[in-house]
Amino acid sequence: TICETGEFRVVCDMHPLTEGHLLIIPKKHISCVGAFPIDLYNEFLILYKQFSDFIKSTYDFVSTFEHGVIGQTVFHAHTHILPFDGDVSSVISEGSSHVKKFDDQLKEVFEKDGKYLFFSLHGVNYLVDTILGKPRFFRDRFAKALGVENRGNWKAMHEDKKLMSQAKKEIENVERKWDMYSKNNI
């Protein structure tokens, strides 16, 4: 845990796709960000901006993703924030007809459709056609785009001692960088 509020924990992903991979997790059991009550949603947006700014400032670029309720392997809301400098086609190779930009709130999308696949690149938000959704949807795609496919399946990664040793070093680096960043910016 690198930050904790009354309602959330921000943690380093224990099975990071890359150094700087964070998760924002609510303490209450809620299925996805879109299902948050409004007060929790507003607090989430503050943390989302704060940690997106940290990753962008520290690693030069930031991307985020959340499955809504599609393809979850952990059945509890958790939003991924990580350094990634790819383009949309490196994540969604099926073509632009399966992706649309959106400016609405995830809460509104979830209330309307009951599901979504969300990601952001370079400050632009996207929804992905939910027909593509499957377990680890975004983890696998970001892992491939980052050239670390062996990190996509976090359960298999957990069994790889060499990868987990590298992950531990990456997590320690992020914790140090967060300490320095938070002292200077918060």
N, C-alpha and C. Protein backbone atom coordinates (compact mmCIF):
# COMPACT_ATOMS: atom_id res chain seq x y z
N THR A 1 0.85 -1.19 0.00
CA THR A 1 0.00 0.00 0.00
C THR A 1 0.88 1.23 0.00
N ILE A 2 0.65 2.12 -0.98
CA ILE A 2 1.41 3.38 -0.98
C ILE A 2 0.55 4.56 -0.55
N CYS A 3 -0.76 4.36 -0.51
CA CYS A 3 -1.67 5.41 -0.06
C CYS A 3 -2.94 4.75 0.44
N GLU A 4 -3.47 5.29 1.53
CA GLU A 4 -4.73 4.76 2.06
C GLU A 4 -5.59 5.93 2.53
N THR A 5 -6.87 5.87 2.16
CA THR A 5 -7.84 6.84 2.65
C THR A 5 -8.87 6.05 3.45
N GLY A 6 -9.92 6.70 3.89
CA GLY A 6 -10.96 5.99 4.61
C GLY A 6 -11.67 4.97 3.75
N GLU A 7 -11.70 5.19 2.43
CA GLU A 7 -12.46 4.33 1.53
C GLU A 7 -11.64 3.53 0.52
N PHE A 8 -10.34 3.88 0.34
CA PHE A 8 -9.54 3.26 -0.72
C PHE A 8 -8.14 2.91 -0.25
N ARG A 9 -7.56 1.98 -0.97
CA ARG A 9 -6.13 1.69 -0.91
C ARG A 9 -5.57 1.83 -2.32
N VAL A 10 -4.42 2.44 -2.42
CA VAL A 10 -3.67 2.46 -3.68
C VAL A 10 -2.45 1.60 -3.42
N VAL A 11 -2.30 0.56 -4.22
CA VAL A 11 -1.23 -0.41 -4.00
C VAL A 11 -0.43 -0.64 -5.28
N CYS A 12 0.79 -1.08 -5.10
CA CYS A 12 1.57 -1.57 -6.24
C CYS A 12 1.01 -2.93 -6.60
N ASP A 13 0.76 -3.16 -7.86
CA ASP A 13 0.30 -4.48 -8.30
C ASP A 13 1.39 -5.47 -7.93
N MET A 14 1.04 -6.54 -7.24
CA MET A 14 2.01 -7.55 -6.81
C MET A 14 2.56 -8.34 -7.99
N HIS A 15 1.88 -8.29 -9.10
CA HIS A 15 2.28 -8.98 -10.33
C HIS A 15 2.30 -7.94 -11.46
N PRO A 16 3.20 -6.95 -11.35
CA PRO A 16 3.16 -5.82 -12.27
C PRO A 16 3.47 -6.21 -13.71
N LEU A 17 2.76 -5.56 -14.63
CA LEU A 17 3.10 -5.70 -16.04
C LEU A 17 4.39 -4.97 -16.35
N THR A 18 4.63 -3.89 -15.61
CA THR A 18 5.83 -3.09 -15.76
C THR A 18 6.01 -2.30 -14.47
N GLU A 19 7.20 -1.78 -14.26
CA GLU A 19 7.41 -0.93 -13.09
C GLU A 19 6.45 0.25 -13.16
N GLY A 20 5.81 0.56 -12.05
CA GLY A 20 4.86 1.66 -11.99
C GLY A 20 3.41 1.21 -12.07
N HIS A 21 3.16 -0.09 -12.14
CA HIS A 21 1.80 -0.62 -12.25
C HIS A 21 1.13 -0.56 -10.88
N LEU A 22 0.10 0.29 -10.78
CA LEU A 22 -0.64 0.51 -9.54
C LEU A 22 -2.08 0.05 -9.67
N LEU A 23 -2.72 -0.14 -8.53
CA LEU A 23 -4.15 -0.45 -8.47
C LEU A 23 -4.82 0.48 -7.47
N ILE A 24 -5.98 1.00 -7.83
CA ILE A 24 -6.83 1.72 -6.89
C ILE A 24 -7.96 0.77 -6.53
N ILE A 25 -8.08 0.47 -5.23
CA ILE A 25 -9.03 -0.56 -4.77
C ILE A 25 -9.90 0.01 -3.66
N PRO A 26 -11.23 -0.08 -3.80
CA PRO A 26 -12.09 0.38 -2.70
C PRO A 26 -12.06 -0.64 -1.56
N LYS A 27 -12.23 -0.14 -0.34
CA LYS A 27 -12.27 -1.04 0.81
C LYS A 27 -13.59 -1.81 0.87
N LYS A 28 -14.67 -1.16 0.43
CA LYS A 28 -15.97 -1.84 0.39
C LYS A 28 -16.02 -2.76 -0.82
N HIS A 29 -16.68 -3.89 -0.67
CA HIS A 29 -16.80 -4.80 -1.80
C HIS A 29 -17.84 -4.26 -2.78
N ILE A 30 -17.34 -3.80 -3.92
CA ILE A 30 -18.18 -3.28 -5.00
C ILE A 30 -17.62 -3.86 -6.28
N SER A 31 -18.47 -4.22 -7.21
CA SER A 31 -18.05 -4.97 -8.40
C SER A 31 -17.16 -4.19 -9.35
N CYS A 32 -17.42 -2.89 -9.53
CA CYS A 32 -16.65 -2.11 -10.50
C CYS A 32 -16.83 -0.62 -10.20
N VAL A 33 -16.00 0.19 -10.79
CA VAL A 33 -16.05 1.64 -10.58
C VAL A 33 -17.43 2.20 -10.93
N GLY A 34 -18.02 1.71 -12.01
CA GLY A 34 -19.33 2.20 -12.42
C GLY A 34 -20.43 1.97 -11.40
N ALA A 35 -20.22 1.03 -10.48
CA ALA A 35 -21.21 0.73 -9.45
C ALA A 35 -20.99 1.50 -8.15
N PHE A 36 -19.96 2.36 -8.11
CA PHE A 36 -19.68 3.13 -6.90
C PHE A 36 -20.83 4.09 -6.61
N PRO A 37 -21.21 4.25 -5.33
CA PRO A 37 -22.11 5.34 -4.99
C PRO A 37 -21.39 6.67 -5.30
N ILE A 38 -22.14 7.73 -5.48
CA ILE A 38 -21.58 8.99 -5.98
C ILE A 38 -20.46 9.53 -5.10
N ASP A 39 -20.58 9.45 -3.76
CA ASP A 39 -19.52 9.99 -2.90
C ASP A 39 -18.22 9.19 -3.06
N LEU A 40 -18.33 7.89 -3.18
CA LEU A 40 -17.16 7.04 -3.41
C LEU A 40 -16.57 7.30 -4.79
N TYR A 41 -17.44 7.47 -5.77
CA TYR A 41 -17.00 7.76 -7.13
C TYR A 41 -16.21 9.06 -7.19
N ASN A 42 -16.69 10.08 -6.49
CA ASN A 42 -16.00 11.37 -6.48
C ASN A 42 -14.63 11.26 -5.82
N GLU A 43 -14.52 10.49 -4.73
CA GLU A 43 -13.22 10.28 -4.09
C GLU A 43 -12.29 9.49 -5.02
N PHE A 44 -12.85 8.49 -5.70
CA PHE A 44 -12.07 7.72 -6.65
C PHE A 44 -11.47 8.63 -7.73
N LEU A 45 -12.27 9.55 -8.27
CA LEU A 45 -11.79 10.44 -9.33
C LEU A 45 -10.60 11.28 -8.87
N ILE A 46 -10.60 11.69 -7.61
CA ILE A 46 -9.48 12.45 -7.06
C ILE A 46 -8.23 11.57 -7.03
N LEU A 47 -8.35 10.34 -6.53
CA LEU A 47 -7.21 9.42 -6.47
C LEU A 47 -6.74 9.05 -7.87
N TYR A 48 -7.69 8.83 -8.76
CA TYR A 48 -7.37 8.47 -10.14
C TYR A 48 -6.50 9.56 -10.79
N LYS A 49 -6.89 10.81 -10.61
CA LYS A 49 -6.10 11.92 -11.16
C LYS A 49 -4.74 12.01 -10.47
N GLN A 50 -4.74 11.93 -9.16
CA GLN A 50 -3.50 12.06 -8.41
C GLN A 50 -2.47 11.00 -8.83
N PHE A 51 -2.89 9.76 -8.95
CA PHE A 51 -1.94 8.69 -9.26
C PHE A 51 -1.65 8.59 -10.76
N SER A 52 -2.59 9.02 -11.59
CA SER A 52 -2.28 9.14 -13.01
C SER A 52 -1.22 10.22 -13.22
N ASP A 53 -1.35 11.34 -12.49
CA ASP A 53 -0.35 12.40 -12.57
C ASP A 53 1.02 11.91 -12.09
N PHE A 54 1.03 11.13 -11.00
CA PHE A 54 2.29 10.57 -10.48
C PHE A 54 2.97 9.69 -11.52
N ILE A 55 2.22 8.78 -12.13
CA ILE A 55 2.81 7.87 -13.12
C ILE A 55 3.30 8.66 -14.33
N LYS A 56 2.49 9.59 -14.81
CA LYS A 56 2.91 10.40 -15.97
C LYS A 56 4.16 11.21 -15.65
N SER A 57 4.19 11.82 -14.49
CA SER A 57 5.33 12.64 -14.09
C SER A 57 6.60 11.79 -13.92
N THR A 58 6.43 10.60 -13.40
CA THR A 58 7.57 9.74 -13.07
C THR A 58 8.07 8.94 -14.27
N TYR A 59 7.15 8.48 -15.12
CA TYR A 59 7.51 7.57 -16.22
C TYR A 59 7.23 8.16 -17.61
N ASP A 60 6.78 9.41 -17.67
CA ASP A 60 6.55 10.15 -18.91
C ASP A 60 5.22 9.86 -19.60
N PHE A 61 4.56 8.79 -19.30
CA PHE A 61 3.27 8.48 -19.93
C PHE A 61 2.47 7.59 -18.99
N VAL A 62 1.16 7.57 -19.23
CA VAL A 62 0.27 6.81 -18.34
C VAL A 62 -0.89 6.24 -19.15
N SER A 63 -1.31 5.07 -18.74
CA SER A 63 -2.50 4.43 -19.28
C SER A 63 -3.25 3.81 -18.12
N THR A 64 -4.53 3.59 -18.31
CA THR A 64 -5.33 2.97 -17.25
C THR A 64 -6.29 1.97 -17.88
N PHE A 65 -6.77 1.04 -17.06
CA PHE A 65 -7.83 0.15 -17.53
C PHE A 65 -8.64 -0.41 -16.38
N GLU A 66 -9.88 -0.74 -16.70
CA GLU A 66 -10.78 -1.38 -15.76
C GLU A 66 -11.78 -2.18 -16.56
N HIS A 67 -12.07 -3.37 -16.10
CA HIS A 67 -12.95 -4.29 -16.83
C HIS A 67 -14.44 -4.07 -16.60
N GLY A 68 -14.82 -3.18 -15.72
CA GLY A 68 -16.23 -3.18 -15.38
C GLY A 68 -16.51 -4.52 -14.73
N VAL A 69 -17.47 -5.26 -15.19
CA VAL A 69 -17.71 -6.60 -14.65
C VAL A 69 -17.39 -7.68 -15.69
N ILE A 70 -16.74 -7.29 -16.77
CA ILE A 70 -16.45 -8.23 -17.85
C ILE A 70 -15.00 -8.69 -17.75
N GLY A 71 -14.80 -9.98 -17.70
CA GLY A 71 -13.45 -10.52 -17.71
C GLY A 71 -12.69 -10.36 -16.42
N GLN A 72 -13.39 -10.07 -15.34
CA GLN A 72 -12.70 -9.95 -14.06
C GLN A 72 -12.19 -11.33 -13.62
N THR A 73 -10.97 -11.37 -13.08
CA THR A 73 -10.48 -12.58 -12.42
C THR A 73 -10.46 -12.36 -10.91
N VAL A 74 -10.57 -11.10 -10.51
CA VAL A 74 -10.75 -10.72 -9.12
C VAL A 74 -12.09 -9.99 -9.09
N PHE A 75 -13.05 -10.52 -8.39
CA PHE A 75 -14.41 -10.01 -8.45
C PHE A 75 -14.63 -8.89 -7.42
N HIS A 76 -13.85 -7.84 -7.59
CA HIS A 76 -13.88 -6.67 -6.72
C HIS A 76 -13.28 -5.54 -7.55
N ALA A 77 -13.86 -4.37 -7.49
CA ALA A 77 -13.38 -3.24 -8.30
C ALA A 77 -11.89 -3.01 -8.06
N HIS A 78 -11.16 -2.81 -9.14
CA HIS A 78 -9.75 -2.41 -9.06
C HIS A 78 -9.38 -1.80 -10.41
N THR A 79 -8.85 -0.61 -10.35
CA THR A 79 -8.47 0.12 -11.55
C THR A 79 -6.95 0.12 -11.66
N HIS A 80 -6.48 -0.28 -12.83
CA HIS A 80 -5.04 -0.36 -13.11
C HIS A 80 -4.56 0.98 -13.67
N ILE A 81 -3.42 1.43 -13.17
CA ILE A 81 -2.73 2.61 -13.68
C ILE A 81 -1.29 2.19 -13.93
N LEU A 82 -0.78 2.44 -15.15
CA LEU A 82 0.57 1.99 -15.46
C LEU A 82 1.20 2.83 -16.56
N PRO A 83 2.52 2.84 -16.59
CA PRO A 83 3.20 3.52 -17.70
C PRO A 83 3.03 2.71 -18.98
N PHE A 84 2.57 3.36 -20.01
CA PHE A 84 2.41 2.70 -21.31
C PHE A 84 2.33 3.77 -22.38
N ASP A 85 3.11 3.60 -23.44
CA ASP A 85 3.19 4.62 -24.48
C ASP A 85 2.77 4.08 -25.85
N GLY A 86 1.87 3.12 -25.85
CA GLY A 86 1.43 2.56 -27.13
C GLY A 86 0.28 3.34 -27.72
N ASP A 87 -0.28 2.78 -28.78
CA ASP A 87 -1.46 3.38 -29.38
C ASP A 87 -2.63 2.42 -29.24
N VAL A 88 -3.80 2.88 -29.63
CA VAL A 88 -5.01 2.09 -29.47
C VAL A 88 -4.89 0.73 -30.17
N SER A 89 -4.34 0.72 -31.37
CA SER A 89 -4.27 -0.54 -32.11
C SER A 89 -3.32 -1.56 -31.47
N SER A 90 -2.40 -1.10 -30.63
CA SER A 90 -1.52 -2.05 -29.94
C SER A 90 -2.26 -2.75 -28.81
N VAL A 91 -3.38 -2.20 -28.37
CA VAL A 91 -4.20 -2.81 -27.33
C VAL A 91 -5.42 -3.51 -27.95
N ILE A 92 -6.06 -2.85 -28.89
CA ILE A 92 -7.25 -3.40 -29.54
C ILE A 92 -6.93 -3.60 -31.02
N SER A 93 -6.46 -4.77 -31.35
CA SER A 93 -6.01 -5.06 -32.72
C SER A 93 -7.16 -5.37 -33.67
N GLU A 94 -8.36 -5.54 -33.14
CA GLU A 94 -9.52 -5.87 -33.98
C GLU A 94 -9.99 -4.73 -34.86
N GLY A 95 -9.48 -3.54 -34.60
CA GLY A 95 -9.84 -2.39 -35.44
C GLY A 95 -10.68 -1.37 -34.71
N SER A 96 -10.75 -0.20 -35.30
CA SER A 96 -11.40 0.94 -34.67
C SER A 96 -12.91 0.77 -34.50
N SER A 97 -13.52 -0.15 -35.23
CA SER A 97 -14.97 -0.35 -35.07
C SER A 97 -15.31 -0.95 -33.69
N HIS A 98 -14.32 -1.46 -32.98
CA HIS A 98 -14.54 -2.06 -31.66
C HIS A 98 -14.17 -1.12 -30.52
N VAL A 99 -13.79 0.12 -30.86
CA VAL A 99 -13.35 1.09 -29.86
C VAL A 99 -14.01 2.42 -30.13
N LYS A 100 -14.43 3.10 -29.05
CA LYS A 100 -14.94 4.45 -29.23
C LYS A 100 -14.45 5.34 -28.11
N LYS A 101 -14.12 6.58 -28.46
CA LYS A 101 -13.76 7.58 -27.47
C LYS A 101 -15.01 7.95 -26.70
N PHE A 102 -14.83 8.30 -25.44
CA PHE A 102 -15.99 8.78 -24.69
C PHE A 102 -15.56 9.78 -23.64
N ASP A 103 -16.47 10.70 -23.35
CA ASP A 103 -16.21 11.73 -22.35
C ASP A 103 -17.13 11.60 -21.14
N ASP A 104 -18.03 10.64 -21.19
CA ASP A 104 -18.96 10.44 -20.07
C ASP A 104 -18.22 9.85 -18.88
N GLN A 105 -18.94 9.67 -17.82
CA GLN A 105 -18.42 9.03 -16.62
C GLN A 105 -18.72 7.54 -16.68
N LEU A 106 -17.82 6.72 -16.16
CA LEU A 106 -18.05 5.26 -16.13
C LEU A 106 -19.34 4.93 -15.39
N LYS A 107 -19.65 5.72 -14.39
CA LYS A 107 -20.88 5.50 -13.64
C LYS A 107 -22.10 5.57 -14.56
N GLU A 108 -22.12 6.54 -15.45
CA GLU A 108 -23.24 6.69 -16.38
C GLU A 108 -23.29 5.53 -17.38
N VAL A 109 -22.14 5.09 -17.85
CA VAL A 109 -22.08 3.97 -18.79
C VAL A 109 -22.60 2.71 -18.11
N PHE A 110 -22.18 2.47 -16.88
CA PHE A 110 -22.60 1.26 -16.15
C PHE A 110 -24.10 1.30 -15.86
N GLU A 111 -24.61 2.46 -15.48
CA GLU A 111 -26.05 2.59 -15.21
C GLU A 111 -26.87 2.32 -16.46
N LYS A 112 -26.36 2.74 -17.59
CA LYS A 112 -27.08 2.55 -18.85
C LYS A 112 -26.96 1.12 -19.38
N ASP A 113 -25.73 0.57 -19.41
CA ASP A 113 -25.49 -0.71 -20.08
C ASP A 113 -25.26 -1.89 -19.14
N GLY A 114 -24.94 -1.62 -17.87
CA GLY A 114 -24.68 -2.69 -16.92
C GLY A 114 -23.33 -3.36 -17.10
N LYS A 115 -22.50 -2.81 -18.00
CA LYS A 115 -21.18 -3.38 -18.24
C LYS A 115 -20.37 -2.42 -19.10
N TYR A 116 -19.07 -2.62 -19.12
CA TYR A 116 -18.17 -1.84 -19.97
C TYR A 116 -16.78 -2.45 -19.91
N LEU A 117 -15.97 -2.10 -20.87
CA LEU A 117 -14.53 -2.32 -20.87
C LEU A 117 -13.92 -0.95 -21.12
N PHE A 118 -13.15 -0.46 -20.16
CA PHE A 118 -12.62 0.90 -20.21
C PHE A 118 -11.11 0.90 -20.21
N PHE A 119 -10.52 1.76 -21.03
CA PHE A 119 -9.09 2.04 -20.90
C PHE A 119 -8.82 3.46 -21.36
N SER A 120 -7.66 3.97 -20.97
CA SER A 120 -7.24 5.29 -21.41
C SER A 120 -5.80 5.21 -21.91
N LEU A 121 -5.51 6.04 -22.88
CA LEU A 121 -4.16 6.21 -23.41
C LEU A 121 -3.94 7.69 -23.65
N HIS A 122 -2.82 8.21 -23.16
CA HIS A 122 -2.45 9.60 -23.41
C HIS A 122 -3.58 10.57 -23.07
N GLY A 123 -4.30 10.29 -21.98
CA GLY A 123 -5.36 11.18 -21.53
C GLY A 123 -6.67 11.08 -22.27
N VAL A 124 -6.80 10.15 -23.19
CA VAL A 124 -8.05 9.95 -23.93
C VAL A 124 -8.71 8.67 -23.41
N ASN A 125 -10.00 8.76 -23.10
CA ASN A 125 -10.76 7.62 -22.59
C ASN A 125 -11.42 6.86 -23.73
N TYR A 126 -11.42 5.53 -23.59
CA TYR A 126 -12.02 4.66 -24.60
C TYR A 126 -12.89 3.60 -23.96
N LEU A 127 -13.95 3.26 -24.66
CA LEU A 127 -14.75 2.08 -24.35
C LEU A 127 -14.52 1.07 -25.47
N VAL A 128 -14.44 -0.20 -25.09
CA VAL A 128 -14.21 -1.28 -26.03
C VAL A 128 -15.49 -2.11 -26.13
N ASP A 129 -15.79 -2.58 -27.32
CA ASP A 129 -16.94 -3.45 -27.54
C ASP A 129 -16.89 -4.61 -26.55
N THR A 130 -17.90 -4.74 -25.72
CA THR A 130 -17.88 -5.75 -24.66
C THR A 130 -17.94 -7.18 -25.19
N ILE A 131 -18.27 -7.35 -26.45
CA ILE A 131 -18.27 -8.69 -27.03
C ILE A 131 -16.86 -9.29 -27.04
N LEU A 132 -15.84 -8.45 -26.99
CA LEU A 132 -14.45 -8.92 -26.98
C LEU A 132 -14.00 -9.39 -25.60
N GLY A 133 -14.74 -9.02 -24.56
CA GLY A 133 -14.33 -9.28 -23.19
C GLY A 133 -14.16 -10.75 -22.85
N LYS A 134 -13.13 -11.01 -22.05
CA LYS A 134 -12.86 -12.35 -21.52
C LYS A 134 -11.95 -12.17 -20.31
N PRO A 135 -11.75 -13.21 -19.52
CA PRO A 135 -10.86 -13.06 -18.36
C PRO A 135 -9.48 -12.53 -18.76
N ARG A 136 -8.98 -11.62 -17.94
CA ARG A 136 -7.67 -10.98 -18.12
C ARG A 136 -7.59 -10.21 -19.44
N PHE A 137 -8.68 -9.77 -19.97
CA PHE A 137 -8.71 -9.11 -21.28
C PHE A 137 -7.61 -8.05 -21.42
N PHE A 138 -7.66 -7.04 -20.56
CA PHE A 138 -6.69 -5.96 -20.69
C PHE A 138 -5.29 -6.36 -20.21
N ARG A 139 -5.20 -7.15 -19.16
CA ARG A 139 -3.86 -7.59 -18.70
C ARG A 139 -3.10 -8.28 -19.83
N ASP A 140 -3.75 -9.21 -20.50
CA ASP A 140 -3.08 -9.94 -21.58
C ASP A 140 -2.70 -9.01 -22.72
N ARG A 141 -3.59 -8.09 -23.07
CA ARG A 141 -3.33 -7.20 -24.20
C ARG A 141 -2.23 -6.19 -23.89
N PHE A 142 -2.25 -5.63 -22.69
CA PHE A 142 -1.19 -4.71 -22.32
C PHE A 142 0.14 -5.45 -22.18
N ALA A 143 0.12 -6.65 -21.64
CA ALA A 143 1.34 -7.45 -21.53
C ALA A 143 1.95 -7.69 -22.91
N LYS A 144 1.12 -8.05 -23.87
CA LYS A 144 1.60 -8.28 -25.23
C LYS A 144 2.16 -6.99 -25.82
N ALA A 145 1.43 -5.89 -25.66
CA ALA A 145 1.87 -4.60 -26.22
C ALA A 145 3.18 -4.13 -25.58
N LEU A 146 3.39 -4.49 -24.31
CA LEU A 146 4.62 -4.13 -23.61
C LEU A 146 5.76 -5.10 -23.89
N GLY A 147 5.45 -6.20 -24.58
CA GLY A 147 6.47 -7.20 -24.87
C GLY A 147 6.80 -8.09 -23.69
N VAL A 148 5.84 -8.24 -22.76
CA VAL A 148 6.04 -9.07 -21.56
C VAL A 148 4.86 -10.03 -21.39
N GLU A 149 4.59 -10.79 -22.42
CA GLU A 149 3.43 -11.69 -22.39
C GLU A 149 3.47 -12.64 -21.19
N ASN A 150 4.66 -12.97 -20.70
CA ASN A 150 4.77 -13.86 -19.55
C ASN A 150 4.26 -13.22 -18.26
N ARG A 151 3.93 -11.94 -18.29
CA ARG A 151 3.38 -11.27 -17.11
C ARG A 151 1.85 -11.12 -17.20
N GLY A 152 1.26 -11.48 -18.30
CA GLY A 152 -0.18 -11.31 -18.46
C GLY A 152 -0.99 -12.15 -17.48
N ASN A 153 -0.64 -13.41 -17.35
CA ASN A 153 -1.34 -14.30 -16.43
C ASN A 153 -0.69 -14.18 -15.06
N TRP A 154 -1.30 -13.43 -14.18
CA TRP A 154 -0.71 -13.16 -12.87
C TRP A 154 -0.58 -14.41 -12.03
N LYS A 155 -1.46 -15.39 -12.22
CA LYS A 155 -1.34 -16.64 -11.44
C LYS A 155 -0.09 -17.41 -11.85
N ALA A 156 0.18 -17.50 -13.15
CA ALA A 156 1.39 -18.17 -13.63
C ALA A 156 2.63 -17.36 -13.23
N MET A 157 2.54 -16.05 -13.31
CA MET A 157 3.66 -15.20 -12.93
C MET A 157 4.04 -15.44 -11.48
N HIS A 158 3.05 -15.63 -10.64
CA HIS A 158 3.28 -15.85 -9.20
C HIS A 158 4.17 -17.07 -8.95
N GLU A 159 4.08 -18.06 -9.83
CA GLU A 159 4.87 -19.29 -9.68
C GLU A 159 6.29 -19.16 -10.22
N ASP A 160 6.59 -18.09 -10.93
CA ASP A 160 7.90 -17.89 -11.54
C ASP A 160 8.78 -17.07 -10.59
N LYS A 161 9.70 -17.73 -9.91
CA LYS A 161 10.52 -17.07 -8.89
C LYS A 161 11.37 -15.93 -9.46
N LYS A 162 11.89 -16.10 -10.65
CA LYS A 162 12.71 -15.07 -11.27
C LYS A 162 11.87 -13.81 -11.57
N LEU A 163 10.68 -14.02 -12.14
CA LEU A 163 9.80 -12.88 -12.43
C LEU A 163 9.35 -12.19 -11.14
N MET A 164 9.05 -12.97 -10.12
CA MET A 164 8.60 -12.39 -8.85
C MET A 164 9.72 -11.62 -8.17
N SER A 165 10.96 -12.08 -8.32
CA SER A 165 12.10 -11.35 -7.78
C SER A 165 12.24 -10.00 -8.49
N GLN A 166 12.08 -10.00 -9.80
CA GLN A 166 12.12 -8.75 -10.57
C GLN A 166 10.97 -7.84 -10.17
N ALA A 167 9.78 -8.42 -10.00
CA ALA A 167 8.61 -7.63 -9.59
C ALA A 167 8.85 -6.97 -8.24
N LYS A 168 9.46 -7.68 -7.32
CA LYS A 168 9.74 -7.12 -6.00
C LYS A 168 10.64 -5.89 -6.12
N LYS A 169 11.66 -5.96 -6.95
CA LYS A 169 12.55 -4.82 -7.16
C LYS A 169 11.79 -3.64 -7.78
N GLU A 170 10.92 -3.94 -8.74
CA GLU A 170 10.13 -2.88 -9.38
C GLU A 170 9.21 -2.21 -8.37
N ILE A 171 8.59 -3.01 -7.52
CA ILE A 171 7.69 -2.47 -6.49
C ILE A 171 8.47 -1.57 -5.53
N GLU A 172 9.64 -2.00 -5.11
CA GLU A 172 10.47 -1.18 -4.22
C GLU A 172 10.85 0.14 -4.89
N ASN A 173 11.15 0.11 -6.19
CA ASN A 173 11.44 1.34 -6.93
C ASN A 173 10.25 2.28 -6.94
N VAL A 174 9.08 1.74 -7.19
CA VAL A 174 7.86 2.58 -7.22
C VAL A 174 7.61 3.19 -5.86
N GLU A 175 7.77 2.41 -4.81
CA GLU A 175 7.55 2.93 -3.46
C GLU A 175 8.50 4.10 -3.17
N ARG A 176 9.77 3.96 -3.53
CA ARG A 176 10.74 5.05 -3.34
C ARG A 176 10.34 6.28 -4.17
N LYS A 177 9.96 6.04 -5.42
CA LYS A 177 9.57 7.16 -6.29
C LYS A 177 8.32 7.86 -5.78
N TRP A 178 7.36 7.09 -5.25
CA TRP A 178 6.16 7.69 -4.68
C TRP A 178 6.52 8.54 -3.46
N ASP A 179 7.39 8.02 -2.60
CA ASP A 179 7.79 8.79 -1.42
C ASP A 179 8.38 10.14 -1.83
N MET A 180 9.27 10.13 -2.82
CA MET A 180 9.88 11.38 -3.29
C MET A 180 8.83 12.29 -3.93
N TYR A 181 7.99 11.73 -4.77
CA TYR A 181 6.96 12.51 -5.47
C TYR A 181 6.00 13.14 -4.46
N SER A 182 5.51 12.34 -3.52
CA SER A 182 4.49 12.83 -2.58
C SER A 182 5.07 13.92 -1.67
N LYS A 183 6.34 13.83 -1.32
CA LYS A 183 6.97 14.87 -0.50
C LYS A 183 7.05 16.20 -1.25
N ASN A 184 7.22 16.12 -2.56
CA ASN A 184 7.39 17.34 -3.36
C ASN A 184 6.10 17.86 -3.97
N ASN A 185 5.05 17.04 -4.05
CA ASN A 185 3.87 17.44 -4.80
C ASN A 185 2.56 17.38 -4.03
N ILE A 186 2.58 16.90 -2.81
CA ILE A 186 1.30 16.78 -2.09
C ILE A 186 1.35 17.54 -0.78
